[in-house]
């Protein structure tokens, strides 16, 4: 389902003014990826990138074209582990957030 422009603008506006929301978006993206819900994880990560660093800057910092990045995080995209972790490393560096994985039992 395609998102409306107003929804994307709403997410971007909230992310710009609310650091906790930004952090929650990134955390949720990674949580979904780790849980195996790749489609949701890519979608939330795409929203996070659009609301923060943007695909042009991400492209410059990863050395991957913005179109390739958008495609790999799109609904039919299939990013390699190298590309996905490169994206995550770059967005963490840009945001100053460092994600960690903890074992829950």
Protein backbone atom coordinates (compact mmCIF):
# COMPACT_ATOMS: atom_id res chain seq x y z
CA UNK A 1 0.00 0.00 0.00
CA UNK A 2 1.43 3.35 -1.04
CA UNK A 3 1.65 6.01 1.63
CA UNK A 4 0.17 9.40 1.07
CA UNK A 5 2.40 12.41 0.87
CA UNK A 6 0.84 13.86 4.01
CA UNK A 7 1.75 10.76 6.03
CA UNK A 8 5.39 10.98 4.89
CA UNK A 9 5.43 14.69 5.72
CA UNK A 10 3.93 13.96 9.14
CA UNK A 11 6.62 11.37 9.91
CA UNK A 12 9.36 13.73 8.73
CA UNK A 13 8.01 16.65 10.76
CA UNK A 14 7.72 14.53 13.91
CA UNK A 15 11.22 13.09 13.42
CA UNK A 16 12.67 16.60 13.01
CA UNK A 17 11.24 17.82 16.31
CA UNK A 18 11.31 14.65 18.42
CA UNK A 19 14.65 12.87 18.94
CA UNK A 20 12.96 10.02 20.84
CA UNK A 21 10.67 9.39 17.86
CA UNK A 22 13.70 9.31 15.52
CA UNK A 23 15.45 6.81 17.76
CA UNK A 24 12.28 4.72 18.04
CA UNK A 25 11.95 4.57 14.24
CA UNK A 26 15.49 3.27 13.84
CA UNK A 27 15.08 0.82 16.72
CA UNK A 28 11.80 -0.48 15.31
CA UNK A 29 13.34 -0.97 11.87
CA UNK A 30 16.16 -3.07 13.29
CA UNK A 31 13.84 -4.96 15.65
CA UNK A 32 11.62 -5.93 12.70
CA UNK A 33 14.62 -7.02 10.62
CA UNK A 34 15.94 -9.15 13.49
CA UNK A 35 12.48 -10.66 14.03
CA UNK A 36 12.41 -11.75 10.39
CA UNK A 37 9.81 -9.25 9.20
CA UNK A 38 12.04 -7.96 6.45
CA UNK A 39 9.33 -6.04 4.57
CA UNK A 40 8.28 -4.02 7.63
CA UNK A 41 11.90 -3.49 8.67
CA UNK A 42 12.82 -2.13 5.24
CA UNK A 43 9.73 0.07 5.17
CA UNK A 44 10.42 1.62 8.58
CA UNK A 45 14.10 2.04 7.71
CA UNK A 46 13.09 3.80 4.48
CA UNK A 47 10.81 6.13 6.48
CA UNK A 48 13.65 6.80 8.92
CA UNK A 49 16.09 7.63 6.12
CA UNK A 50 13.58 9.91 4.39
CA UNK A 51 12.88 11.70 7.67
CA UNK A 52 16.52 12.14 8.67
CA UNK A 53 19.66 11.70 6.58
CA UNK A 54 17.95 11.41 3.18
CA UNK A 55 18.93 9.08 0.35
CA UNK A 56 21.29 11.56 -1.34
CA UNK A 57 23.51 11.95 1.72
CA UNK A 58 23.26 8.23 2.45
CA UNK A 59 24.42 7.61 -1.11
CA UNK A 60 27.43 9.88 -0.68
CA UNK A 61 28.44 8.28 2.60
CA UNK A 62 27.95 4.65 1.53
CA UNK A 63 29.27 4.99 -2.02
CA UNK A 64 26.09 3.37 -3.35
CA UNK A 65 23.81 5.23 -5.74
CA UNK A 66 20.65 6.67 -4.19
CA UNK A 67 18.53 4.79 -6.74
CA UNK A 68 20.14 1.50 -5.74
CA UNK A 69 19.56 2.29 -2.06
CA UNK A 70 15.91 3.13 -2.70
CA UNK A 71 15.46 -0.05 -4.74
CA UNK A 72 17.11 -2.30 -2.16
CA UNK A 73 14.89 -0.91 0.61
CA UNK A 74 11.79 -0.95 -1.58
CA UNK A 75 9.02 -3.58 -1.40
CA UNK A 76 10.74 -5.94 -3.86
CA UNK A 77 14.30 -5.08 -2.85
CA UNK A 78 16.65 -7.73 -1.55
CA UNK A 79 19.65 -6.01 0.04
CA UNK A 80 22.78 -8.02 0.73
CA UNK A 81 23.97 -8.18 4.32
CA UNK A 82 26.94 -6.02 3.34
CA UNK A 83 24.69 -3.30 1.92
CA UNK A 84 22.15 -3.46 4.74
CA UNK A 85 24.77 -3.26 7.48
CA UNK A 86 26.52 -0.48 5.59
CA UNK A 87 23.29 1.50 5.61
CA UNK A 88 22.76 0.82 9.32
CA UNK A 89 26.35 1.81 10.14
CA UNK A 90 25.94 5.06 8.22
CA UNK A 91 22.59 6.06 9.76
CA UNK A 92 23.91 5.29 13.24
CA UNK A 93 26.96 7.45 12.63
CA UNK A 94 24.86 10.30 11.20
CA UNK A 95 22.40 10.20 14.09
CA UNK A 96 24.88 9.64 16.90
CA UNK A 97 22.88 6.58 17.96
CA UNK A 98 24.60 3.27 18.60
CA UNK A 99 22.32 0.26 18.51
CA UNK A 100 23.20 -2.89 20.42
CA UNK A 101 21.69 -6.34 20.46
CA UNK A 102 20.77 -7.98 23.75
CA UNK A 103 19.74 -11.56 24.34
CA UNK A 104 16.34 -11.84 25.97
CA UNK A 105 15.27 -15.01 27.71
